[in-house]
PDB file of N, CA and C in Angstrom:
ATOM      1  N   UNK A   1       0.849  -1.258   0.149  1.00  0.00           N
ATOM      2  CA  UNK A   1       0.048  -0.097   0.045  1.00  0.00           C
ATOM      3  C   UNK A   1       0.907   1.180  -0.115  1.00  0.00           C
ATOM      4  N   UNK A   2       2.030   1.076   0.784  1.00  0.00           N
ATOM      5  CA  UNK A   2       2.799   2.497   1.089  1.00  0.00           C
ATOM      6  C   UNK A   2       3.580   2.784  -0.271  1.00  0.00           C
ATOM      7  N   UNK A   3       3.837   1.553  -1.056  1.00  0.00           N
ATOM      8  CA  UNK A   3       4.596   1.929  -2.439  1.00  0.00           C
ATOM      9  C   UNK A   3       3.551   2.301  -3.469  1.00  0.00           C
ATOM     10  N   UNK A   4       2.323   2.094  -3.453  1.00  0.00           N
ATOM     11  CA  UNK A   4       1.542   2.645  -4.446  1.00  0.00           C
ATOM     12  C   UNK A   4       1.275   4.037  -4.163  1.00  0.00           C
ATOM     13  N   UNK A   5       1.179   4.429  -2.990  1.00  0.00           N
ATOM     14  CA  UNK A   5       1.153   5.885  -2.415  1.00  0.00           C
ATOM     15  C   UNK A   5       2.456   6.651  -3.088  1.00  0.00           C
ATOM     16  N   UNK A   6       3.573   6.097  -2.677  1.00  0.00           N
ATOM     17  CA  UNK A   6       4.749   6.798  -3.199  1.00  0.00           C
ATOM     18  C   UNK A   6       4.713   6.770  -4.882  1.00  0.00           C
ATOM     19  N   UNK A   7       4.339   5.654  -5.556  1.00  0.00           N
ATOM     20  CA  UNK A   7       4.381   5.700  -6.722  1.00  0.00           C
ATOM     21  C   UNK A   7       3.279   6.784  -7.468  1.00  0.00           C
ATOM     22  N   UNK A   8       2.188   6.976  -6.761  1.00  0.00           N
ATOM     23  CA  UNK A   8       1.003   7.968  -7.141  1.00  0.00           C
ATOM     24  C   UNK A   8       1.773   9.373  -7.045  1.00  0.00           C
ATOM     25  N   UNK A   9       2.407   9.494  -5.812  1.00  0.00           N
ATOM     26  CA  UNK A   9       3.163  10.743  -5.725  1.00  0.00           C
ATOM     27  C   UNK A   9       4.045  11.060  -6.542  1.00  0.00           C
ATOM     28  N   UNK A  10       4.935  10.162  -6.966  1.00  0.00           N
ATOM     29  CA  UNK A  10       5.970  10.458  -8.067  1.00  0.00           C
ATOM     30  C   UNK A  10       5.497  10.788  -9.252  1.00  0.00           C
ATOM     31  N   UNK A  11       4.318   9.976  -9.636  1.00  0.00           N
ATOM     32  CA  UNK A  11       3.645  10.372 -10.855  1.00  0.00           C
ATOM     33  C   UNK A  11       3.198  11.854 -10.998  1.00  0.00           C
ATOM     34  N   UNK A  12       2.385  12.319  -9.727  1.00  0.00           N
ATOM     35  CA  UNK A  12       1.867  13.747  -9.735  1.00  0.00           C
ATOM     36  C   UNK A  12       2.982  14.528  -9.781  1.00  0.00           C
ATOM     37  N   UNK A  13       4.196  14.279  -9.137  1.00  0.00           N
ATOM     38  CA  UNK A  13       5.243  15.168  -9.178  1.00  0.00           C
ATOM     39  C   UNK A  13       5.837  15.395 -10.570  1.00  0.00           C
ATOM     40  N   UNK A  14       5.914  14.325 -11.220  1.00  0.00           N
ATOM     41  CA  UNK A  14       6.412  14.283 -12.668  1.00  0.00           C
ATOM     42  C   UNK A  14       5.395  14.988 -13.381  1.00  0.00           C
ATOM     43  N   UNK A  15       4.202  15.019 -13.368  1.00  0.00           N
ATOM     44  CA  UNK A  15       3.174  15.748 -14.105  1.00  0.00           C
ATOM     45  C   UNK A  15       3.164  17.268 -13.868  1.00  0.00           C
ATOM     46  N   UNK A  16       3.709  17.595 -12.691  1.00  0.00           N
ATOM     47  CA  UNK A  16       3.700  19.020 -12.475  1.00  0.00           C
ATOM     48  C   UNK A  16       5.041  19.734 -12.833  1.00  0.00           C
ATOM     49  N   UNK A  17       5.889  19.076 -13.201  1.00  0.00           N
ATOM     50  CA  UNK A  17       7.317  19.357 -13.659  1.00  0.00           C
ATOM     51  C   UNK A  17       7.158  20.210 -14.825  1.00  0.00           C
ATOM     52  N   UNK A  18       7.855  21.450 -14.941  1.00  0.00           N
ATOM     53  CA  UNK A  18       7.743  22.319 -15.980  1.00  0.00           C
ATOM     54  C   UNK A  18       8.121  21.461 -17.404  1.00  0.00           C
ATOM     55  N   UNK A  19       7.456  21.566 -18.469  1.00  0.00           N
ATOM     56  CA  UNK A  19       7.942  21.185 -19.754  1.00  0.00           C
ATOM     57  C   UNK A  19       8.747  22.292 -20.478  1.00  0.00           C
ATOM     58  N   UNK A  20      10.021  21.911 -20.915  1.00  0.00           N
ATOM     59  CA  UNK A  20      10.741  22.617 -21.500  1.00  0.00           C
ATOM     60  C   UNK A  20      11.287  22.083 -22.840  1.00  0.00           C
ATOM     61  N   UNK A  21      11.188  23.039 -23.884  1.00  0.00           N
ATOM     62  CA  UNK A  21      11.579  22.473 -25.189  1.00  0.00           C
ATOM     63  C   UNK A  21      13.106  22.327 -25.431  1.00  0.00           C
ATOM     64  N   UNK A  22      13.289  21.280 -25.946  1.00  0.00           N
ATOM     65  CA  UNK A  22      14.565  20.916 -26.286  1.00  0.00           C
ATOM     66  C   UNK A  22      15.318  21.926 -27.042  1.00  0.00           C
ATOM     67  N   UNK A  23      16.610  22.246 -26.830  1.00  0.00           N
ATOM     68  CA  UNK A  23      17.338  23.160 -27.502  1.00  0.00           C
ATOM     69  C   UNK A  23      17.640  22.572 -28.979  1.00  0.00           C
ATOM     70  N   UNK A  24      17.710  23.136 -29.874  1.00  0.00           N
ATOM     71  CA  UNK A  24      18.130  22.564 -31.003  1.00  0.00           C
ATOM     72  C   UNK A  24      19.687  22.499 -31.218  1.00  0.00           C
ATOM     73  N   UNK A  25      20.018  21.431 -31.778  1.00  0.00           N
ATOM     74  CA  UNK A  25      21.470  21.042 -31.780  1.00  0.00           C
ATOM     75  C   UNK A  25      22.076  22.056 -32.935  1.00  0.00           C
ATOM     76  N   UNK A  26      23.228  22.417 -32.511  1.00  0.00           N
ATOM     77  CA  UNK A  26      23.829  23.302 -33.513  1.00  0.00           C
ATOM     78  C   UNK A  26      24.411  22.364 -34.658  1.00  0.00           C
ATOM     79  N   UNK A  27      24.511  23.133 -35.716  1.00  0.00           N
ATOM     80  CA  UNK A  27      24.876  22.519 -36.969  1.00  0.00           C
ATOM     81  C   UNK A  27      26.458  22.053 -36.882  1.00  0.00           C
ATOM     82  N   UNK A  28      26.704  21.236 -37.874  1.00  0.00           N
ATOM     83  CA  UNK A  28      28.077  20.758 -37.817  1.00  0.00           C
ATOM     84  C   UNK A  28      29.167  22.082 -38.113  1.00  0.00           C
ATOM     85  N   UNK A  29      28.665  22.900 -39.110  1.00  0.00           N
ATOM     86  CA  UNK A  29      29.357  24.218 -39.384  1.00  0.00           C
ATOM     87  C   UNK A  29      29.523  25.116 -38.353  1.00  0.00           C
ATOM     88  N   UNK A  30      28.614  25.199 -37.366  1.00  0.00           N
ATOM     89  CA  UNK A  30      28.785  26.114 -36.219  1.00  0.00           C
ATOM     90  C   UNK A  30      29.607  25.603 -35.210  1.00  0.00           C
ATOM     91  N   UNK A  31      29.652  24.173 -35.000  1.00  0.00           N
ATOM     92  CA  UNK A  31      30.735  23.667 -34.082  1.00  0.00           C
ATOM     93  C   UNK A  31      32.028  23.558 -34.697  1.00  0.00           C
ATOM     94  N   UNK A  32      32.099  23.522 -36.043  1.00  0.00           N
ATOM     95  CA  UNK A  32      33.559  23.314 -36.518  1.00  0.00           C
ATOM     96  C   UNK A  32      34.023  24.950 -36.549  1.00  0.00           C
ATOM     97  N   UNK A  33      33.327  26.128 -36.698  1.00  0.00           N
ATOM     98  CA  UNK A  33      33.780  27.428 -36.368  1.00  0.00           C
ATOM     99  C   UNK A  33      34.263  27.664 -35.110  1.00  0.00           C
ATOM    100  N   UNK A  34      33.584  26.881 -34.187  1.00  0.00           N
ATOM    101  CA  UNK A  34      34.222  27.227 -32.665  1.00  0.00           C
ATOM    102  C   UNK A  34      35.324  26.592 -32.360  1.00  0.00           C
ATOM    103  N   UNK A  35      35.972  25.463 -33.096  1.00  0.00           N
ATOM    104  CA  UNK A  35      36.999  24.686 -32.800  1.00  0.00           C
ATOM    105  C   UNK A  35      38.144  25.571 -33.588  1.00  0.00           C
ATOM    106  N   UNK A  36      38.116  26.214 -34.592  1.00  0.00           N
ATOM    107  CA  UNK A  36      38.878  27.123 -35.278  1.00  0.00           C
ATOM    108  C   UNK A  36      39.941  26.031 -36.125  1.00  0.00           C
ATOM    109  N   UNK A  37      41.083  26.571 -36.424  1.00  0.00           N
ATOM    110  CA  UNK A  37      42.025  25.542 -37.250  1.00  0.00           C
ATOM    111  C   UNK A  37      42.580  24.533 -36.614  1.00  0.00           C
ATOM    112  N   UNK A  38      42.504  23.368 -37.014  1.00  0.00           N
ATOM    113  CA  UNK A  38      42.989  22.279 -36.414  1.00  0.00           C
ATOM    114  C   UNK A  38      43.829  21.394 -37.308  1.00  0.00           C
ATOM    115  N   UNK A  39      44.545  20.365 -36.534  1.00  0.00           N
ATOM    116  CA  UNK A  39      45.402  19.336 -37.396  1.00  0.00           C
ATOM    117  C   UNK A  39      45.212  18.239 -36.628  1.00  0.00           C
ATOM    118  N   UNK A  40      45.334  17.078 -37.527  1.00  0.00           N
ATOM    119  CA  UNK A  40      45.321  15.771 -36.964  1.00  0.00           C
ATOM    120  C   UNK A  40      46.740  15.385 -36.400  1.00  0.00           C
ATOM    121  N   UNK A  41      46.967  14.654 -35.339  1.00  0.00           N
ATOM    122  CA  UNK A  41      48.143  14.450 -34.773  1.00  0.00           C
ATOM    123  C   UNK A  41      48.131  12.848 -34.248  1.00  0.00           C
ATOM    124  N   UNK A  42      49.387  12.212 -34.419  1.00  0.00           N
ATOM    125  CA  UNK A  42      49.730  10.676 -33.923  1.00  0.00           C
ATOM    126  C   UNK A  42      49.047   9.782 -34.471  1.00  0.00           C
ATOM    127  N   UNK A  43      48.177   9.898 -35.577  1.00  0.00           N
ATOM    128  CA  UNK A  43      47.288   8.779 -36.238  1.00  0.00           C
ATOM    129  C   UNK A  43      48.238   7.431 -36.394  1.00  0.00           C
ATOM    130  N   UNK A  44      49.250   7.394 -37.126  1.00  0.00           N
ATOM    131  CA  UNK A  44      49.810   6.297 -37.444  1.00  0.00           C
ATOM    132  C   UNK A  44      51.391   6.264 -37.002  1.00  0.00           C
ATOM    133  N   UNK A  45      51.480   7.048 -35.920  1.00  0.00           N
ATOM    134  CA  UNK A  45      52.946   7.373 -35.321  1.00  0.00           C
ATOM    135  C   UNK A  45      53.117   5.856 -34.504  1.00  0.00           C
ATOM    136  N   UNK A  46      54.402   5.466 -34.521  1.00  0.00           N
ATOM    137  CA  UNK A  46      54.785   4.377 -33.728  1.00  0.00           C
ATOM    138  C   UNK A  46      54.634   4.606 -32.265  1.00  0.00           C
ATOM    139  N   UNK A  47      54.529   6.009 -31.788  1.00  0.00           N
ATOM    140  CA  UNK A  47      54.237   6.307 -30.530  1.00  0.00           C
ATOM    141  C   UNK A  47      53.194   5.435 -29.752  1.00  0.00           C
ATOM    142  N   UNK A  48      52.240   5.014 -30.453  1.00  0.00           N
ATOM    143  CA  UNK A  48      51.309   4.262 -29.755  1.00  0.00           C
ATOM    144  C   UNK A  48      51.725   2.817 -29.275  1.00  0.00           C
ATOM    145  N   UNK A  49      52.931   2.358 -29.904  1.00  0.00           N
ATOM    146  CA  UNK A  49      53.621   1.189 -29.427  1.00  0.00           C
ATOM    147  C   UNK A  49      54.730   1.223 -28.716  1.00  0.00           C
ATOM    148  N   UNK A  50      55.526   2.362 -29.111  1.00  0.00           N
ATOM    149  CA  UNK A  50      56.649   2.418 -28.376  1.00  0.00           C
ATOM    150  C   UNK A  50      57.194   4.016 -28.451  1.00  0.00           C
ATOM    151  N   UNK A  51      57.067   4.569 -27.258  1.00  0.00           N
ATOM    152  CA  UNK A  51      57.411   5.900 -27.230  1.00  0.00           C
ATOM    153  C   UNK A  51      58.909   6.376 -27.646  1.00  0.00           C
ATOM    154  N   UNK A  52      59.667   5.474 -27.466  1.00  0.00           N
ATOM    155  CA  UNK A  52      61.121   5.865 -27.991  1.00  0.00           C
ATOM    156  C   UNK A  52      61.224   5.922 -29.549  1.00  0.00           C
ATOM    157  N   UNK A  53      60.194   5.316 -30.202  1.00  0.00           N
ATOM    158  CA  UNK A  53      60.247   5.289 -31.477  1.00  0.00           C
ATOM    159  C   UNK A  53      59.220   6.457 -32.194  1.00  0.00           C
ATOM    160  N   UNK A  54      58.889   7.202 -31.390  1.00  0.00           N
ATOM    161  CA  UNK A  54      57.861   8.390 -31.796  1.00  0.00           C
ATOM    162  C   UNK A  54      58.471   9.204 -32.977  1.00  0.00           C
ATOM    163  N   UNK A  55      57.626   9.592 -33.844  1.00  0.00           N
ATOM    164  CA  UNK A  55      57.869  10.592 -34.640  1.00  0.00           C
ATOM    165  C   UNK A  55      57.399  11.813 -34.294  1.00  0.00           C
ATOM    166  N   UNK A  56      56.208  12.071 -33.668  1.00  0.00           N
ATOM    167  CA  UNK A  56      55.814  13.321 -33.106  1.00  0.00           C
ATOM    168  C   UNK A  56      56.293  13.483 -31.816  1.00  0.00           C
ATOM    169  N   UNK A  57      56.796  14.593 -31.555  1.00  0.00           N
ATOM    170  CA  UNK A  57      57.586  14.827 -30.225  1.00  0.00           C
ATOM    171  C   UNK A  57      56.926  16.164 -29.570  1.00  0.00           C
ATOM    172  N   UNK A  58      57.133  16.283 -28.201  1.00  0.00           N
ATOM    173  CA  UNK A  58      56.441  17.349 -27.536  1.00  0.00           C
ATOM    174  C   UNK A  58      56.818  18.672 -28.054  1.00  0.00           C
ATOM    175  N   UNK A  59      58.010  19.004 -28.843  1.00  0.00           N
ATOM    176  CA  UNK A  59      57.972  20.264 -29.197  1.00  0.00           C
ATOM    177  C   UNK A  59      57.128  20.652 -30.459  1.00  0.00           C
ATOM    178  N   UNK A  60      56.515  19.530 -30.908  1.00  0.00           N
ATOM    179  CA  UNK A  60      55.553  19.633 -32.091  1.00  0.00           C
ATOM    180  C   UNK A  60      54.171  20.635 -31.660  1.00  0.00           C
ATOM    181  N   UNK A  61      53.985  20.290 -30.443  1.00  0.00           N
ATOM    182  CA  UNK A  61      52.856  21.182 -30.007  1.00  0.00           C
ATOM    183  C   UNK A  61      52.824  22.716 -30.100  1.00  0.00           C
ATOM    184  N   UNK A  62      54.209  22.967 -29.498  1.00  0.00           N
ATOM    185  CA  UNK A  62      54.418  24.416 -29.772  1.00  0.00           C
ATOM    186  C   UNK A  62      54.718  24.620 -31.227  1.00  0.00           C
ATOM    187  N   UNK A  63      55.129  24.116 -32.199  1.00  0.00           N
ATOM    188  CA  UNK A  63      55.193  24.404 -33.659  1.00  0.00           C
ATOM    189  C   UNK A  63      53.969  24.577 -34.179  1.00  0.00           C
ATOM    190  N   UNK A  64      52.904  23.617 -33.738  1.00  0.00           N
ATOM    191  CA  UNK A  64      51.518  23.845 -34.216  1.00  0.00           C
ATOM    192  C   UNK A  64      50.870  25.103 -33.851  1.00  0.00           C
ATOM    193  N   UNK A  65      51.092  25.324 -32.774  1.00  0.00           N
ATOM    194  CA  UNK A  65      50.484  26.613 -32.259  1.00  0.00           C
ATOM    195  C   UNK A  65      51.024  28.008 -33.002  1.00  0.00           C
ATOM    196  N   UNK A  66      52.342  27.836 -33.106  1.00  0.00           N
ATOM    197  CA  UNK A  66      53.176  29.006 -33.962  1.00  0.00           C
ATOM    198  C   UNK A  66      52.538  28.878 -35.384  1.00  0.00           C
ATOM    199  N   UNK A  67      52.158  27.974 -35.995  1.00  0.00           N
ATOM    200  CA  UNK A  67      51.584  27.734 -37.267  1.00  0.00           C
ATOM    201  C   UNK A  67      50.380  28.356 -37.392  1.00  0.00           C
ATOM    202  N   UNK A  68      49.809  28.795 -36.149  1.00  0.00           N
ATOM    203  CA  UNK A  68      48.205  29.363 -36.237  1.00  0.00           C
ATOM    204  C   UNK A  68      47.138  28.347 -36.010  1.00  0.00           C
ATOM    205  N   UNK A  69      47.586  27.241 -35.729  1.00  0.00           N
ATOM    206  CA  UNK A  69      46.328  26.271 -35.219  1.00  0.00           C
ATOM    207  C   UNK A  69      45.793  26.399 -33.893  1.00  0.00           C
ATOM    208  N   UNK A  70      44.766  26.206 -33.626  1.00  0.00           N
ATOM    209  CA  UNK A  70      44.189  26.318 -32.416  1.00  0.00           C
ATOM    210  C   UNK A  70      43.626  25.090 -31.605  1.00  0.00           C
ATOM    211  N   UNK A  71      43.425  24.029 -32.529  1.00  0.00           N
ATOM    212  CA  UNK A  71      43.101  22.647 -31.991  1.00  0.00           C
ATOM    213  C   UNK A  71      44.021  21.751 -32.772  1.00  0.00           C
ATOM    214  N   UNK A  72      43.896  20.593 -31.962  1.00  0.00           N
ATOM    215  CA  UNK A  72      44.564  19.429 -32.406  1.00  0.00           C
ATOM    216  C   UNK A  72      43.487  18.168 -32.305  1.00  0.00           C
ATOM    217  N   UNK A  73      43.517  17.306 -33.341  1.00  0.00           N
ATOM    218  CA  UNK A  73      42.593  16.252 -33.333  1.00  0.00           C
ATOM    219  C   UNK A  73      43.420  15.205 -32.997  1.00  0.00           C
ATOM    220  N   UNK A  74      43.245  14.218 -31.844  1.00  0.00           N
ATOM    221  CA  UNK A  74      44.064  13.048 -31.672  1.00  0.00           C
ATOM    222  C   UNK A  74      43.414  12.007 -32.235  1.00  0.00           C
ATOM    223  N   UNK A  75      44.014  11.418 -33.298  1.00  0.00           N
ATOM    224  CA  UNK A  75      43.736  10.201 -34.081  1.00  0.00           C
ATOM    225  C   UNK A  75      44.025   8.988 -33.114  1.00  0.00           C
ATOM    226  N   UNK A  76      42.858   8.363 -32.772  1.00  0.00           N
ATOM    227  CA  UNK A  76      43.066   7.305 -31.754  1.00  0.00           C
ATOM    228  C   UNK A  76      43.214   5.896 -32.468  1.00  0.00           C
ATOM    229  N   UNK A  77      44.089   5.268 -32.203  1.00  0.00           N
ATOM    230  CA  UNK A  77      44.489   3.730 -32.667  1.00  0.00           C
ATOM    231  C   UNK A  77      44.028   2.923 -31.500  1.00  0.00           C
ATOM    232  N   UNK A  78      42.753   2.478 -31.333  1.00  0.00           N
ATOM    233  CA  UNK A  78      42.761   1.895 -30.150  1.00  0.00           C
ATOM    234  C   UNK A  78      42.480   0.370 -30.422  1.00  0.00           C
ATOM    235  N   UNK A  79      41.721  -0.072 -31.251  1.00  0.00           N
ATOM    236  CA  UNK A  79      41.330  -1.364 -31.585  1.00  0.00           C
ATOM    237  C   UNK A  79      42.597  -2.267 -31.726  1.00  0.00           C
ATOM    238  N   UNK A  80      43.686  -1.768 -32.495  1.00  0.00           N
ATOM    239  CA  UNK A  80      44.882  -2.680 -32.620  1.00  0.00           C
ATOM    240  C   UNK A  80      45.616  -2.953 -31.469  1.00  0.00           C
ATOM    241  N   UNK A  81      45.430  -2.055 -30.450  1.00  0.00           N
ATOM    242  CA  UNK A  81      45.996  -2.345 -29.267  1.00  0.00           C
ATOM    243  C   UNK A  81      45.176  -3.137 -28.067  1.00  0.00           C
ATOM    244  N   UNK A  82      44.136  -3.424 -28.330  1.00  0.00           N
ATOM    245  CA  UNK A  82      43.290  -4.043 -27.292  1.00  0.00           C
ATOM    246  C   UNK A  82      43.795  -5.551 -27.475  1.00  0.00           C
ATOM    247  N   UNK A  83      43.593  -6.046 -25.965  1.00  0.00           N
ATOM    248  CA  UNK A  83      43.868  -7.652 -25.832  1.00  0.00           C
ATOM    249  C   UNK A  83      42.626  -8.361 -25.973  1.00  0.00           C
ATOM    250  N   UNK A  84      42.841  -9.630 -25.743  1.00  0.00           N
ATOM    251  CA  UNK A  84      41.643 -10.554 -26.016  1.00  0.00           C
ATOM    252  C   UNK A  84      40.409 -10.255 -25.089  1.00  0.00           C
ATOM    253  N   UNK A  85      40.602  -9.404 -24.208  1.00  0.00           N
ATOM    254  CA  UNK A  85      39.325  -8.902 -23.476  1.00  0.00           C
ATOM    255  C   UNK A  85      38.936  -7.702 -23.858  1.00  0.00           C
ATOM    256  N   UNK A  86      39.325  -7.164 -24.997  1.00  0.00           N
ATOM    257  CA  UNK A  86      39.062  -5.629 -25.383  1.00  0.00           C
ATOM    258  C   UNK A  86      39.524  -4.587 -24.538  1.00  0.00           C
ATOM    259  N   UNK A  87      40.670  -4.987 -23.733  1.00  0.00           N
ATOM    260  CA  UNK A  87      41.119  -3.992 -22.690  1.00  0.00           C
ATOM    261  C   UNK A  87      42.165  -3.340 -23.415  1.00  0.00           C
ATOM    262  N   UNK A  88      42.566  -1.806 -23.068  1.00  0.00           N
ATOM    263  CA  UNK A  88      43.649  -1.354 -23.501  1.00  0.00           C
ATOM    264  C   UNK A  88      44.794  -1.328 -22.428  1.00  0.00           C
ATOM    265  N   UNK A  89      45.941  -1.432 -22.842  1.00  0.00           N
ATOM    266  CA  UNK A  89      47.138  -1.555 -21.704  1.00  0.00           C
ATOM    267  C   UNK A  89      47.190   0.128 -21.161  1.00  0.00           C
ATOM    268  N   UNK A  90      47.640   0.038 -20.167  1.00  0.00           N
ATOM    269  CA  UNK A  90      48.031   1.338 -19.273  1.00  0.00           C
ATOM    270  C   UNK A  90      48.998   2.333 -20.214  1.00  0.00           C
ATOM    271  N   UNK A  91      49.944   1.760 -21.043  1.00  0.00           N
ATOM    272  CA  UNK A  91      50.696   2.483 -21.785  1.00  0.00           C
ATOM    273  C   UNK A  91      49.917   3.309 -22.866  1.00  0.00           C
ATOM    274  N   UNK A  92      48.790   2.713 -23.412  1.00  0.00           N
ATOM    275  CA  UNK A  92      48.053   3.367 -24.270  1.00  0.00           C
ATOM    276  C   UNK A  92      47.464   4.801 -23.784  1.00  0.00           C
ATOM    277  N   UNK A  93      46.831   4.494 -22.406  1.00  0.00           N
ATOM    278  CA  UNK A  93      46.448   5.651 -21.808  1.00  0.00           C
ATOM    279  C   UNK A  93      47.414   6.714 -21.500  1.00  0.00           C
ATOM    280  N   UNK A  94      48.471   6.246 -21.146  1.00  0.00           N
ATOM    281  CA  UNK A  94      49.617   7.232 -20.774  1.00  0.00           C
ATOM    282  C   UNK A  94      50.001   8.059 -22.087  1.00  0.00           C
ATOM    283  N   UNK A  95      49.797   7.521 -23.231  1.00  0.00           N
ATOM    284  CA  UNK A  95      50.136   8.067 -24.495  1.00  0.00           C
ATOM    285  C   UNK A  95      48.968   9.240 -24.588  1.00  0.00           C
ATOM    286  N   UNK A  96      47.928   8.733 -24.562  1.00  0.00           N
ATOM    287  CA  UNK A  96      46.481   9.742 -24.737  1.00  0.00           C
ATOM    288  C   UNK A  96      46.780  10.730 -23.673  1.00  0.00           C
ATOM    289  N   UNK A  97      47.110  10.689 -22.452  1.00  0.00           N
ATOM    290  CA  UNK A  97      47.368  11.691 -21.533  1.00  0.00           C
ATOM    291  C   UNK A  97      48.372  12.679 -21.856  1.00  0.00           C
ATOM    292  N   UNK A  98      49.489  12.135 -22.397  1.00  0.00           N
ATOM    293  CA  UNK A  98      50.557  12.980 -22.640  1.00  0.00           C
ATOM    294  C   UNK A  98      50.074  13.720 -24.034  1.00  0.00           C
ATOM    295  N   UNK A  99      49.228  13.489 -24.988  1.00  0.00           N
ATOM    296  CA  UNK A  99      48.942  14.091 -26.079  1.00  0.00           C
ATOM    297  C   UNK A  99      47.839  15.202 -25.409  1.00  0.00           C
ATOM    298  N   UNK A 100      46.916  14.855 -24.566  1.00  0.00           N
ATOM    299  CA  UNK A 100      46.127  15.861 -24.262  1.00  0.00           C
ATOM    300  C   UNK A 100      46.621  16.811 -23.259  1.00  0.00           C
ATOM    301  N   UNK A 101      47.836  16.561 -22.454  1.00  0.00           N
ATOM    302  CA  UNK A 101      48.396  17.608 -21.729  1.00  0.00           C
ATOM    303  C   UNK A 101      49.199  18.388 -22.866  1.00  0.00           C
ATOM    304  N   UNK A 102      49.812  17.844 -23.686  1.00  0.00           N
ATOM    305  CA  UNK A 102      50.470  18.770 -24.749  1.00  0.00           C
ATOM    306  C   UNK A 102      49.716  19.573 -25.493  1.00  0.00           C
ATOM    307  N   UNK A 103      48.406  19.263 -25.749  1.00  0.00           N
ATOM    308  CA  UNK A 103      47.584  20.074 -26.619  1.00  0.00           C
ATOM    309  C   UNK A 103      47.138  21.132 -25.783  1.00  0.00           C
TER     310      UNK A 103
END
């Protein structure tokens, strides 16, 4: 009996909640303009397997900014690094953290 009363009260409260219209999603063009000029980085770089073999270096982030780019798009190579249980190794996340910190 108590559950029915609680359920009825919850339904009434939900019915009294103000209805708001959903905000329209911005167009891809509008989103792209807010990102500014960008460049893809570290897509097929050996960095994902072994940081010692990386072609992309930390100083490249500075060079990218100096060239007038305001964003970078980190190309994630995740599937080829997953184990049999679809888990990514800690080293993969360390590489991603390095890229985010540098960007």
